[in-house]
Amino acid sequence: MLGSSSDIYNACIQQVVRLVSPGSIFELGCGKGKFGELLMQAGHFANLTAVQKVFSSTDLPLLAGKGYRQIIDRDILDYYREGFDENYDLIVALDVVEHFLISDVMSIIHFSLYRANYLLLVWPSQHPQTAVTNLFDRHRSSFDLRDLTEKYDVVFYSQTGFAQMHYLHRYHIALLRGFMNSNVLPPFITSVTFTR
């Protein structure tokens, strides 16, 4: 079963994509294709590739209909451990890195910055989640902006979230500049928004 994620950060993601204007995008764990849908809604058509474990014969046609040109049917960690030489304008990880151990998250970030001009990360912080439909559903790590700024060039950061019962769901949105990228983006307006 393909995964899904919150809609709370959609507008921010679309704005970041407009500013970066990527021609080639690589997504880690595209799930049901939410990012492809966001691109189509924003009128941005790019060469969109994803690494995503395929679970059903209906997954590939579903994702093709959402703008994905290629799906690499692999486990993300295995694919990253082997390494790849393709370069992308943007690598995207929406609501996926929290499912890995923090050491694996940092390895993925580091390698991605060798392979892309920008890396766009969206992750919840301190949000416990257990395995529901498969073992990968559980959350295994949490980190903050400081963990990124100490090592990488963060060119945009924002937070958003929502309250549910007595718990605050906080999402972080960060755009990191790749190691070989000398581009300077227009200034961003950062924001912190919580809805109830």
N, C-alpha and C. Protein backbone atom coordinates (compact mmCIF):
# COMPACT_ATOMS: atom_id res chain seq x y z
N MET A 1 0.85 -1.19 0.00
CA MET A 1 0.00 0.00 0.00
C MET A 1 0.89 1.24 0.00
N LEU A 2 0.64 2.15 -0.92
CA LEU A 2 1.40 3.39 -1.00
C LEU A 2 1.01 4.32 0.13
N GLY A 3 1.99 5.06 0.64
CA GLY A 3 1.76 5.96 1.77
C GLY A 3 1.20 7.31 1.37
N SER A 4 0.71 8.03 2.36
CA SER A 4 0.19 9.37 2.14
C SER A 4 0.71 10.29 3.24
N SER A 5 0.46 11.60 3.10
CA SER A 5 0.96 12.54 4.11
C SER A 5 0.01 13.71 4.26
N SER A 6 0.33 14.59 5.18
CA SER A 6 -0.50 15.75 5.50
C SER A 6 -0.56 16.74 4.33
N ASP A 7 -1.62 17.53 4.29
CA ASP A 7 -1.76 18.58 3.27
C ASP A 7 -1.39 19.95 3.81
N ILE A 8 -0.98 20.05 5.07
CA ILE A 8 -0.80 21.32 5.75
C ILE A 8 0.31 22.18 5.13
N TYR A 9 1.26 21.56 4.47
CA TYR A 9 2.40 22.31 3.92
C TYR A 9 2.37 22.45 2.39
N ASN A 10 1.27 22.09 1.76
CA ASN A 10 1.20 22.08 0.29
C ASN A 10 1.53 23.42 -0.35
N ALA A 11 0.93 24.50 0.13
CA ALA A 11 1.15 25.82 -0.48
C ALA A 11 2.61 26.25 -0.39
N CYS A 12 3.24 25.94 0.72
CA CYS A 12 4.65 26.29 0.91
C CYS A 12 5.52 25.52 -0.09
N ILE A 13 5.24 24.24 -0.27
CA ILE A 13 6.00 23.41 -1.21
C ILE A 13 5.87 23.97 -2.63
N GLN A 14 4.66 24.33 -3.01
CA GLN A 14 4.44 24.88 -4.35
C GLN A 14 5.22 26.18 -4.55
N GLN A 15 5.28 27.02 -3.53
CA GLN A 15 6.02 28.28 -3.64
C GLN A 15 7.52 28.02 -3.77
N VAL A 16 8.05 27.09 -3.01
CA VAL A 16 9.47 26.76 -3.09
C VAL A 16 9.81 26.24 -4.49
N VAL A 17 8.95 25.39 -5.04
CA VAL A 17 9.19 24.86 -6.39
C VAL A 17 9.16 25.98 -7.42
N ARG A 18 8.24 26.93 -7.27
CA ARG A 18 8.21 28.08 -8.20
C ARG A 18 9.52 28.85 -8.17
N LEU A 19 10.06 29.06 -7.01
CA LEU A 19 11.30 29.83 -6.88
C LEU A 19 12.52 29.08 -7.40
N VAL A 20 12.58 27.78 -7.16
CA VAL A 20 13.71 26.97 -7.62
C VAL A 20 13.57 26.66 -9.11
N SER A 21 12.34 26.48 -9.58
CA SER A 21 12.03 26.19 -10.98
C SER A 21 12.86 25.03 -11.54
N PRO A 22 12.77 23.85 -10.94
CA PRO A 22 13.60 22.72 -11.37
C PRO A 22 13.10 22.09 -12.66
N GLY A 23 14.03 21.67 -13.49
CA GLY A 23 13.69 20.95 -14.71
C GLY A 23 13.69 19.44 -14.47
N SER A 24 14.55 18.99 -13.55
CA SER A 24 14.61 17.56 -13.22
C SER A 24 14.49 17.40 -11.70
N ILE A 25 13.62 16.48 -11.29
CA ILE A 25 13.33 16.27 -9.88
C ILE A 25 13.41 14.78 -9.56
N PHE A 26 14.00 14.47 -8.42
CA PHE A 26 14.07 13.10 -7.93
C PHE A 26 13.41 13.08 -6.56
N GLU A 27 12.40 12.23 -6.40
CA GLU A 27 11.68 12.18 -5.13
C GLU A 27 11.95 10.87 -4.40
N LEU A 28 12.16 10.98 -3.11
CA LEU A 28 12.36 9.81 -2.26
C LEU A 28 11.02 9.40 -1.67
N GLY A 29 10.56 8.21 -2.02
CA GLY A 29 9.31 7.72 -1.45
C GLY A 29 8.11 8.54 -1.84
N CYS A 30 7.69 8.45 -3.09
CA CYS A 30 6.60 9.31 -3.59
C CYS A 30 5.23 8.91 -3.08
N GLY A 31 5.10 7.73 -2.47
CA GLY A 31 3.80 7.32 -1.95
C GLY A 31 2.74 7.30 -3.03
N LYS A 32 1.61 7.94 -2.78
CA LYS A 32 0.51 7.97 -3.73
C LYS A 32 0.66 9.07 -4.78
N GLY A 33 1.79 9.78 -4.77
CA GLY A 33 2.04 10.77 -5.81
C GLY A 33 1.64 12.18 -5.47
N LYS A 34 1.57 12.49 -4.19
CA LYS A 34 1.15 13.82 -3.77
C LYS A 34 2.00 14.93 -4.39
N PHE A 35 3.32 14.76 -4.40
CA PHE A 35 4.20 15.81 -4.94
C PHE A 35 3.94 16.02 -6.43
N GLY A 36 3.74 14.95 -7.17
CA GLY A 36 3.39 15.07 -8.59
C GLY A 36 2.11 15.86 -8.78
N GLU A 37 1.11 15.62 -7.94
CA GLU A 37 -0.14 16.37 -8.00
C GLU A 37 0.09 17.85 -7.72
N LEU A 38 0.93 18.16 -6.71
CA LEU A 38 1.22 19.55 -6.37
C LEU A 38 1.89 20.26 -7.54
N LEU A 39 2.80 19.57 -8.22
CA LEU A 39 3.46 20.16 -9.39
C LEU A 39 2.43 20.46 -10.48
N MET A 40 1.55 19.51 -10.76
CA MET A 40 0.54 19.69 -11.81
C MET A 40 -0.39 20.85 -11.46
N GLN A 41 -0.82 20.94 -10.20
CA GLN A 41 -1.70 22.04 -9.77
C GLN A 41 -1.02 23.39 -9.94
N ALA A 42 0.29 23.42 -9.72
CA ALA A 42 1.04 24.68 -9.85
C ALA A 42 1.42 24.97 -11.29
N GLY A 43 1.09 24.06 -12.21
CA GLY A 43 1.42 24.26 -13.62
C GLY A 43 2.90 24.08 -13.91
N HIS A 44 3.60 23.33 -13.04
CA HIS A 44 5.03 23.10 -13.22
C HIS A 44 5.23 21.66 -13.69
N PHE A 45 5.72 21.52 -14.90
CA PHE A 45 5.93 20.18 -15.45
C PHE A 45 7.42 19.95 -15.60
N ALA A 46 7.93 18.98 -14.85
CA ALA A 46 9.37 18.69 -14.82
C ALA A 46 9.56 17.21 -15.11
N ASN A 47 10.80 16.85 -15.38
CA ASN A 47 11.15 15.45 -15.51
C ASN A 47 11.19 14.87 -14.10
N LEU A 48 10.13 14.16 -13.73
CA LEU A 48 9.93 13.70 -12.35
C LEU A 48 10.19 12.20 -12.24
N THR A 49 11.19 11.85 -11.42
CA THR A 49 11.57 10.47 -11.16
C THR A 49 11.43 10.23 -9.66
N ALA A 50 11.10 9.00 -9.28
CA ALA A 50 11.00 8.68 -7.85
C ALA A 50 11.59 7.30 -7.59
N VAL A 51 12.13 7.14 -6.40
CA VAL A 51 12.48 5.81 -5.92
C VAL A 51 11.40 5.44 -4.91
N GLN A 52 10.69 4.36 -5.21
CA GLN A 52 9.51 3.98 -4.43
C GLN A 52 9.30 2.48 -4.59
N LYS A 53 9.17 1.78 -3.50
CA LYS A 53 8.84 0.36 -3.57
C LYS A 53 7.44 0.21 -4.13
N VAL A 54 7.29 -0.58 -5.18
CA VAL A 54 5.99 -0.80 -5.82
C VAL A 54 5.33 -2.01 -5.16
N PHE A 55 4.08 -1.82 -4.74
CA PHE A 55 3.39 -2.87 -4.00
C PHE A 55 2.30 -3.57 -4.82
N SER A 56 1.83 -2.91 -5.88
CA SER A 56 0.70 -3.45 -6.63
C SER A 56 0.84 -3.07 -8.10
N SER A 57 0.21 -3.84 -8.96
CA SER A 57 0.26 -3.56 -10.40
C SER A 57 -0.45 -2.25 -10.76
N THR A 58 -1.27 -1.73 -9.85
CA THR A 58 -1.97 -0.47 -10.12
C THR A 58 -1.14 0.76 -9.72
N ASP A 59 -0.05 0.55 -8.99
CA ASP A 59 0.76 1.68 -8.51
C ASP A 59 1.38 2.48 -9.66
N LEU A 60 1.99 1.79 -10.62
CA LEU A 60 2.70 2.49 -11.70
C LEU A 60 1.77 3.33 -12.57
N PRO A 61 0.61 2.81 -13.01
CA PRO A 61 -0.30 3.67 -13.78
C PRO A 61 -0.82 4.86 -12.97
N LEU A 62 -1.08 4.65 -11.68
CA LEU A 62 -1.53 5.73 -10.81
C LEU A 62 -0.49 6.85 -10.79
N LEU A 63 0.77 6.49 -10.58
CA LEU A 63 1.83 7.49 -10.48
C LEU A 63 2.14 8.13 -11.84
N ALA A 64 2.03 7.38 -12.91
CA ALA A 64 2.23 7.95 -14.25
C ALA A 64 1.18 9.03 -14.52
N GLY A 65 -0.04 8.81 -14.05
CA GLY A 65 -1.11 9.79 -14.22
C GLY A 65 -0.90 11.06 -13.39
N LYS A 66 0.03 11.00 -12.46
CA LYS A 66 0.33 12.16 -11.61
C LYS A 66 1.66 12.82 -12.01
N GLY A 67 2.17 12.46 -13.18
CA GLY A 67 3.34 13.15 -13.72
C GLY A 67 4.67 12.47 -13.51
N TYR A 68 4.69 11.28 -12.91
CA TYR A 68 5.96 10.58 -12.69
C TYR A 68 6.37 9.87 -13.98
N ARG A 69 7.55 10.21 -14.48
CA ARG A 69 8.03 9.61 -15.73
C ARG A 69 8.76 8.30 -15.50
N GLN A 70 9.37 8.17 -14.33
CA GLN A 70 10.09 6.94 -14.02
C GLN A 70 9.95 6.64 -12.53
N ILE A 71 9.65 5.38 -12.22
CA ILE A 71 9.63 4.91 -10.83
C ILE A 71 10.71 3.84 -10.71
N ILE A 72 11.64 4.06 -9.82
CA ILE A 72 12.68 3.08 -9.53
C ILE A 72 12.16 2.22 -8.38
N ASP A 73 11.84 0.97 -8.68
CA ASP A 73 11.22 0.07 -7.71
C ASP A 73 12.28 -0.51 -6.78
N ARG A 74 12.67 0.30 -5.80
CA ARG A 74 13.73 -0.09 -4.88
C ARG A 74 13.44 0.47 -3.49
N ASP A 75 14.06 -0.11 -2.51
CA ASP A 75 14.08 0.44 -1.17
C ASP A 75 15.01 1.66 -1.18
N ILE A 76 14.59 2.76 -0.58
CA ILE A 76 15.36 4.01 -0.61
C ILE A 76 16.75 3.82 -0.03
N LEU A 77 16.85 3.19 1.13
CA LEU A 77 18.16 3.02 1.76
C LEU A 77 19.09 2.17 0.91
N ASP A 78 18.59 1.08 0.34
CA ASP A 78 19.43 0.25 -0.52
C ASP A 78 19.91 1.05 -1.73
N TYR A 79 19.01 1.82 -2.31
CA TYR A 79 19.37 2.62 -3.49
C TYR A 79 20.45 3.64 -3.15
N TYR A 80 20.33 4.26 -2.00
CA TYR A 80 21.32 5.26 -1.57
C TYR A 80 22.64 4.62 -1.17
N ARG A 81 22.58 3.47 -0.53
CA ARG A 81 23.82 2.80 -0.13
C ARG A 81 24.65 2.39 -1.34
N GLU A 82 23.98 1.97 -2.41
CA GLU A 82 24.70 1.62 -3.64
C GLU A 82 25.23 2.86 -4.33
N GLY A 83 24.53 3.97 -4.18
CA GLY A 83 24.93 5.22 -4.81
C GLY A 83 24.42 5.30 -6.25
N PHE A 84 24.34 6.51 -6.76
CA PHE A 84 23.94 6.74 -8.15
C PHE A 84 24.66 7.98 -8.63
N ASP A 85 24.80 8.10 -9.95
CA ASP A 85 25.57 9.20 -10.54
C ASP A 85 24.71 10.27 -11.20
N GLU A 86 23.40 10.05 -11.30
CA GLU A 86 22.53 11.04 -11.92
C GLU A 86 22.51 12.31 -11.09
N ASN A 87 22.41 13.44 -11.78
CA ASN A 87 22.29 14.73 -11.10
C ASN A 87 20.90 15.30 -11.36
N TYR A 88 20.38 16.03 -10.38
CA TYR A 88 19.03 16.59 -10.47
C TYR A 88 19.06 18.05 -10.04
N ASP A 89 18.09 18.80 -10.55
CA ASP A 89 17.94 20.18 -10.08
C ASP A 89 17.43 20.18 -8.64
N LEU A 90 16.56 19.21 -8.32
CA LEU A 90 15.94 19.17 -7.00
C LEU A 90 15.73 17.73 -6.58
N ILE A 91 16.12 17.40 -5.36
CA ILE A 91 15.73 16.13 -4.74
C ILE A 91 14.74 16.48 -3.63
N VAL A 92 13.67 15.70 -3.55
CA VAL A 92 12.57 15.99 -2.63
C VAL A 92 12.33 14.80 -1.71
N ALA A 93 12.16 15.07 -0.43
CA ALA A 93 11.78 14.05 0.55
C ALA A 93 10.67 14.66 1.42
N LEU A 94 9.44 14.35 1.06
CA LEU A 94 8.28 14.89 1.79
C LEU A 94 7.75 13.84 2.75
N ASP A 95 7.84 14.13 4.03
CA ASP A 95 7.22 13.27 5.03
C ASP A 95 7.74 11.83 4.93
N VAL A 96 9.06 11.67 4.72
CA VAL A 96 9.61 10.33 4.57
C VAL A 96 10.83 10.08 5.47
N VAL A 97 11.68 11.09 5.70
CA VAL A 97 12.93 10.84 6.42
C VAL A 97 12.73 10.44 7.88
N GLU A 98 11.61 10.81 8.46
CA GLU A 98 11.36 10.45 9.87
C GLU A 98 11.18 8.94 10.05
N HIS A 99 11.04 8.20 8.96
CA HIS A 99 10.88 6.75 9.02
C HIS A 99 12.22 6.02 9.10
N PHE A 100 13.33 6.76 8.98
CA PHE A 100 14.66 6.16 9.04
C PHE A 100 15.34 6.50 10.36
N LEU A 101 16.36 5.73 10.70
CA LEU A 101 17.21 6.08 11.83
C LEU A 101 17.94 7.38 11.52
N ILE A 102 18.23 8.18 12.53
CA ILE A 102 18.84 9.49 12.30
C ILE A 102 20.17 9.39 11.55
N SER A 103 20.95 8.35 11.80
CA SER A 103 22.22 8.19 11.07
C SER A 103 21.96 7.98 9.59
N ASP A 104 20.92 7.25 9.23
CA ASP A 104 20.57 7.05 7.82
C ASP A 104 20.04 8.34 7.20
N VAL A 105 19.26 9.12 7.99
CA VAL A 105 18.75 10.40 7.50
C VAL A 105 19.91 11.31 7.11
N MET A 106 20.90 11.43 7.98
CA MET A 106 22.03 12.31 7.69
C MET A 106 22.85 11.81 6.50
N SER A 107 22.96 10.51 6.34
CA SER A 107 23.65 9.96 5.16
C SER A 107 22.88 10.29 3.88
N ILE A 108 21.57 10.17 3.92
CA ILE A 108 20.74 10.49 2.75
C ILE A 108 20.88 11.97 2.40
N ILE A 109 20.80 12.83 3.40
CA ILE A 109 20.95 14.27 3.16
C ILE A 109 22.30 14.56 2.54
N HIS A 110 23.35 14.04 3.12
CA HIS A 110 24.70 14.33 2.66
C HIS A 110 24.90 13.88 1.21
N PHE A 111 24.51 12.65 0.90
CA PHE A 111 24.68 12.16 -0.47
C PHE A 111 23.81 12.94 -1.46
N SER A 112 22.60 13.29 -1.05
CA SER A 112 21.70 14.06 -1.92
C SER A 112 22.31 15.39 -2.32
N LEU A 113 23.04 16.02 -1.41
CA LEU A 113 23.64 17.32 -1.70
C LEU A 113 24.80 17.22 -2.68
N TYR A 114 25.31 16.01 -2.91
CA TYR A 114 26.28 15.77 -3.99
C TYR A 114 25.59 15.57 -5.33
N ARG A 115 24.32 15.20 -5.31
CA ARG A 115 23.62 14.81 -6.52
C ARG A 115 22.57 15.82 -7.00
N ALA A 116 22.42 16.95 -6.28
CA ALA A 116 21.36 17.89 -6.66
C ALA A 116 21.77 19.33 -6.36
N ASN A 117 21.15 20.25 -7.10
CA ASN A 117 21.33 21.67 -6.80
C ASN A 117 20.66 22.03 -5.47
N TYR A 118 19.50 21.42 -5.21
CA TYR A 118 18.77 21.68 -3.97
C TYR A 118 18.17 20.39 -3.45
N LEU A 119 18.00 20.34 -2.14
CA LEU A 119 17.30 19.25 -1.47
C LEU A 119 16.17 19.87 -0.66
N LEU A 120 14.95 19.44 -0.92
CA LEU A 120 13.77 19.92 -0.20
C LEU A 120 13.32 18.83 0.76
N LEU A 121 13.33 19.16 2.06
CA LEU A 121 12.93 18.22 3.10
C LEU A 121 11.69 18.73 3.82
N VAL A 122 10.76 17.82 4.08
CA VAL A 122 9.61 18.11 4.94
C VAL A 122 9.52 16.95 5.93
N TRP A 123 9.52 17.27 7.23
CA TRP A 123 9.47 16.21 8.23
C TRP A 123 8.78 16.72 9.49
N PRO A 124 8.08 15.82 10.19
CA PRO A 124 7.50 16.19 11.49
C PRO A 124 8.54 16.03 12.57
N SER A 125 8.42 16.82 13.63
CA SER A 125 9.36 16.64 14.74
C SER A 125 8.63 16.07 15.94
N GLN A 126 9.34 15.19 16.62
CA GLN A 126 8.85 14.60 17.86
C GLN A 126 7.40 14.14 17.74
N HIS A 127 7.16 13.38 16.71
CA HIS A 127 5.81 12.89 16.43
C HIS A 127 5.83 11.36 16.42
N PRO A 128 5.55 10.74 17.55
CA PRO A 128 5.56 9.28 17.61
C PRO A 128 4.49 8.69 16.69
N GLN A 129 4.86 7.64 16.00
CA GLN A 129 3.89 6.93 15.16
C GLN A 129 4.31 5.47 15.10
N THR A 130 3.38 4.57 15.31
CA THR A 130 3.68 3.15 15.29
C THR A 130 3.36 2.57 13.91
N ALA A 131 3.77 1.32 13.71
CA ALA A 131 3.48 0.63 12.46
C ALA A 131 1.99 0.35 12.39
N VAL A 132 1.36 0.80 11.31
CA VAL A 132 -0.08 0.61 11.14
C VAL A 132 -0.33 -0.45 10.07
N THR A 133 0.03 -0.14 8.83
CA THR A 133 -0.20 -1.09 7.74
C THR A 133 1.05 -1.87 7.36
N ASN A 134 2.23 -1.29 7.63
CA ASN A 134 3.48 -2.02 7.40
C ASN A 134 4.54 -1.48 8.35
N LEU A 135 5.64 -2.20 8.47
CA LEU A 135 6.67 -1.84 9.45
C LEU A 135 7.30 -0.48 9.18
N PHE A 136 7.28 -0.05 7.91
CA PHE A 136 7.90 1.23 7.58
C PHE A 136 7.08 2.42 8.09
N ASP A 137 5.84 2.21 8.50
CA ASP A 137 4.99 3.31 8.98
C ASP A 137 5.53 3.97 10.24
N ARG A 138 6.28 3.24 11.06
CA ARG A 138 6.70 3.81 12.34
C ARG A 138 7.74 4.91 12.14
N HIS A 139 7.66 5.92 12.98
CA HIS A 139 8.66 7.01 12.98
C HIS A 139 9.84 6.59 13.84
N ARG A 140 11.06 6.89 13.34
CA ARG A 140 12.26 6.43 14.03
C ARG A 140 13.22 7.55 14.37
N SER A 141 12.96 8.77 13.89
CA SER A 141 13.90 9.85 14.18
C SER A 141 13.21 11.20 14.19
N SER A 142 13.87 12.14 14.83
CA SER A 142 13.42 13.52 14.87
C SER A 142 14.66 14.40 14.93
N PHE A 143 14.62 15.53 14.26
CA PHE A 143 15.73 16.46 14.31
C PHE A 143 15.20 17.86 14.08
N ASP A 144 16.02 18.85 14.33
CA ASP A 144 15.61 20.25 14.25
C ASP A 144 16.45 21.00 13.23
N LEU A 145 16.08 22.24 12.99
CA LEU A 145 16.81 23.09 12.05
C LEU A 145 18.29 23.17 12.41
N ARG A 146 18.59 23.29 13.69
CA ARG A 146 19.97 23.40 14.14
C ARG A 146 20.83 22.23 13.66
N ASP A 147 20.24 21.03 13.60
CA ASP A 147 20.98 19.86 13.13
C ASP A 147 21.39 19.99 11.67
N LEU A 148 20.66 20.81 10.91
CA LEU A 148 20.98 21.03 9.51
C LEU A 148 21.92 22.21 9.32
N THR A 149 21.67 23.31 10.03
CA THR A 149 22.46 24.53 9.82
C THR A 149 23.89 24.38 10.30
N GLU A 150 24.15 23.46 11.19
CA GLU A 150 25.52 23.23 11.65
C GLU A 150 26.39 22.61 10.57
N LYS A 151 25.76 21.93 9.59
CA LYS A 151 26.52 21.21 8.57
C LYS A 151 26.26 21.67 7.14
N TYR A 152 25.08 22.23 6.88
CA TYR A 152 24.66 22.48 5.51
C TYR A 152 24.19 23.92 5.31
N ASP A 153 24.07 24.31 4.04
CA ASP A 153 23.61 25.63 3.69
C ASP A 153 22.08 25.60 3.51
N VAL A 154 21.36 26.01 4.53
CA VAL A 154 19.90 26.04 4.49
C VAL A 154 19.49 27.40 3.94
N VAL A 155 18.85 27.40 2.76
CA VAL A 155 18.50 28.67 2.12
C VAL A 155 17.04 29.06 2.36
N PHE A 156 16.26 28.14 2.90
CA PHE A 156 14.87 28.44 3.25
C PHE A 156 14.45 27.50 4.36
N TYR A 157 13.68 28.05 5.31
CA TYR A 157 13.14 27.23 6.39
C TYR A 157 11.81 27.81 6.83
N SER A 158 10.86 26.93 7.10
CA SER A 158 9.56 27.35 7.63
C SER A 158 9.00 26.22 8.47
N GLN A 159 8.01 26.56 9.27
CA GLN A 159 7.29 25.56 10.06
C GLN A 159 5.80 25.75 9.85
N THR A 160 5.09 24.68 9.96
CA THR A 160 3.64 24.73 9.96
C THR A 160 3.16 23.57 10.81
N GLY A 161 1.89 23.51 11.08
CA GLY A 161 1.40 22.40 11.87
C GLY A 161 -0.07 22.54 12.20
N PHE A 162 -0.52 21.66 13.04
CA PHE A 162 -1.91 21.69 13.47
C PHE A 162 -2.00 21.01 14.83
N ALA A 163 -3.02 21.39 15.57
CA ALA A 163 -3.25 20.79 16.88
C ALA A 163 -4.29 19.69 16.75
N GLN A 164 -4.05 18.59 17.45
CA GLN A 164 -4.99 17.48 17.44
C GLN A 164 -5.10 16.96 18.87
N MET A 165 -6.25 17.08 19.43
CA MET A 165 -6.47 16.75 20.84
C MET A 165 -5.50 17.58 21.68
N HIS A 166 -4.58 16.94 22.39
CA HIS A 166 -3.64 17.69 23.22
C HIS A 166 -2.23 17.64 22.65
N TYR A 167 -2.13 17.39 21.37
CA TYR A 167 -0.82 17.22 20.76
C TYR A 167 -0.67 18.20 19.59
N LEU A 168 0.50 18.80 19.49
CA LEU A 168 0.79 19.72 18.40
C LEU A 168 1.65 19.02 17.36
N HIS A 169 1.13 18.90 16.16
CA HIS A 169 1.88 18.31 15.05
C HIS A 169 2.66 19.42 14.36
N ARG A 170 3.96 19.39 14.44
CA ARG A 170 4.80 20.43 13.84
C ARG A 170 5.57 19.84 12.66
N TYR A 171 5.44 20.49 11.51
CA TYR A 171 6.19 20.09 10.32
C TYR A 171 7.25 21.14 10.02
N HIS A 172 8.43 20.67 9.65
CA HIS A 172 9.54 21.52 9.25
C HIS A 172 9.68 21.42 7.73
N ILE A 173 9.95 22.53 7.09
CA ILE A 173 10.17 22.59 5.65
C ILE A 173 11.50 23.29 5.43
N ALA A 174 12.45 22.60 4.83
CA ALA A 174 13.79 23.17 4.64
C ALA A 174 14.28 22.92 3.23
N LEU A 175 14.89 23.94 2.65
CA LEU A 175 15.53 23.83 1.34
C LEU A 175 17.02 24.00 1.55
N LEU A 176 17.79 22.99 1.19
CA LEU A 176 19.24 23.01 1.37
C LEU A 176 19.91 23.16 0.00
N ARG A 177 20.97 23.93 -0.04
CA ARG A 177 21.73 24.13 -1.27
C ARG A 177 22.72 22.98 -1.45
N GLY A 178 22.75 22.43 -2.66
CA GLY A 178 23.69 21.36 -2.98
C GLY A 178 25.13 21.86 -2.94
N PHE A 179 26.06 20.95 -2.76
CA PHE A 179 27.47 21.30 -2.60
C PHE A 179 28.06 22.01 -3.81
N MET A 180 27.60 21.70 -5.01
CA MET A 180 28.16 22.29 -6.22
C MET A 180 27.30 23.44 -6.76
N ASN A 181 26.32 23.87 -6.01
CA ASN A 181 25.37 24.87 -6.48
C ASN A 181 25.80 26.27 -6.04
N SER A 182 26.03 27.13 -7.02
CA SER A 182 26.41 28.51 -6.70
C SER A 182 25.26 29.49 -6.92
N ASN A 183 24.07 28.97 -7.22
CA ASN A 183 22.91 29.83 -7.47
C ASN A 183 22.49 30.58 -6.22
N VAL A 184 22.03 31.79 -6.42
CA VAL A 184 21.48 32.59 -5.33
C VAL A 184 20.00 32.79 -5.64
N LEU A 185 19.15 32.39 -4.71
CA LEU A 185 17.71 32.52 -4.92
C LEU A 185 17.23 33.88 -4.48
N PRO A 186 16.06 34.29 -4.98
CA PRO A 186 15.47 35.52 -4.44
C PRO A 186 15.22 35.34 -2.95
N PRO A 187 15.15 36.45 -2.19
CA PRO A 187 14.92 36.30 -0.75
C PRO A 187 13.58 35.63 -0.47
N PHE A 188 13.58 34.76 0.51
CA PHE A 188 12.36 34.08 0.94
C PHE A 188 11.79 34.80 2.14
N ILE A 189 10.50 34.70 2.30
CA ILE A 189 9.86 35.16 3.52
C ILE A 189 9.54 33.90 4.32
N THR A 190 10.16 33.77 5.47
CA THR A 190 9.90 32.58 6.29
C THR A 190 8.68 32.84 7.16
N SER A 191 8.01 31.77 7.49
CA SER A 191 6.81 31.94 8.29
C SER A 191 6.65 30.76 9.24
N VAL A 192 5.92 31.01 10.29
CA VAL A 192 5.53 29.96 11.22
C VAL A 192 4.02 30.05 11.34
N THR A 193 3.34 28.99 10.96
CA THR A 193 1.89 29.00 10.95
C THR A 193 1.36 27.75 11.63
N PHE A 194 0.48 27.94 12.57
CA PHE A 194 -0.19 26.80 13.19
C PHE A 194 -1.68 27.00 13.07
N THR A 195 -2.37 25.94 12.66
CA THR A 195 -3.81 26.00 12.56
C THR A 195 -4.41 25.03 13.56
N ARG A 196 -5.58 25.33 13.98
CA ARG A 196 -6.25 24.44 14.95
C ARG A 196 -7.48 23.86 14.36
